[in-house]
Amino acid sequence: MTTVLLVRHGRTTANTAGVLAGWTEGVPLDDTGQTQVKALSARLGAVPLAAVVTSPLQRARETATLLLEGREGVPCHEDERVGEVRYGDWSGRDLKKLAKDPLWKVVQSHPSGMTFPGEGGESMRAMQERAVAAVRDWNARLGEDAVYVVVSHGDVIKGVLADALGMHLDQFQRLMVDPGSVSVVTYTPLRPFVVRTNDVGGDLGFLAPRKRRSRRKGAAGSDAAVGGGAGPADAPRSA
C-alpha cells in the first residue's frame, strides 16, 4: 500500500485578499500560513517520509520547505502536474467579481464541462487527469510501502480526492480543502482508501509504519473492513 498525504499550501496573501492567484508567481504564505504548515510539520514528526512532491509555485514550494525543516535526506521534487489549475483570464482577478461571470455557475454546478477562458485556460477535466496521473506515477516510483507528501492546491487536491472516492467531477465542489490541511489516501492494488480529508488538527501518528504481520496471499491489503472495522489501534476511545 502506498500512502499519499495531499497537503494544501498554507494561507497566502492572495487568499486573504480574495484573489484567484492561479499561476501568478510572487504569492507568498502569510504569517498564518507559515504557522499552519509548521503545526502540520510537527504533527508529521513521527512519520518517515519517502519524498515530498510539490507544485512549482512559490506558495507550494514554501510549504514544502517548511515541512522538510529538520528532515535530512528526504528528497523534494517539483512536478508541474500537481500545479494549480490554469485559470486563463480568471487568474489574478477578484473572486467577488468572478462570481458575477456567467461561467461561475458552470464551475459550481458542472465543473466537468468547464474550460477557463483565455490563452492557456485549462479544463477542469484536464486538471484532474494530469494530477491523478502524477499521483499514480509517484506511487509507482516510490513503491508500495512509501508514505509521501504532495503539496498542491485546493481544486487540484479536490480533483484527486474525487477520483479516489469514485466521485464524478461534477460533485467535487462538495469537498472542502482548507489552507494547511492534509488529506490522506492509501492506494492498494484493488482500490484507494480515503483515510482523512481536510484534516487540520488530528493526530497523524497512525501513519508511522508498524511491525508488519505476514501477508496473506492475494490482495488482502485491498480488502475493505466489513462492518467498518475497529479503527487505528491507537485511536482514542470515549469513556
Foldseek 3Di string as FASTA:
>chain_A
DEKEKEAEFFAWPCNVVQAAAAQPAPIAHDPRRLVLLLQVLVLCVQADAQAEEEAPHHRGVVSVVSSCVPPPPHYYHYDNLQEGARQAPRHGDHNVVVCPDPCVVCVQQPQQPDFHDHPPTGRLVSSLVSLLVVVVVVCVVSDQLGYHYYYHHWSSVLSNVCVQVVHPSSPSVVADAHHSFIWMWHDFPVGIDGDGGNDRDDRPNLNHDDDDDDDDPDRPVPDADVVHDDPRPPDDDDD
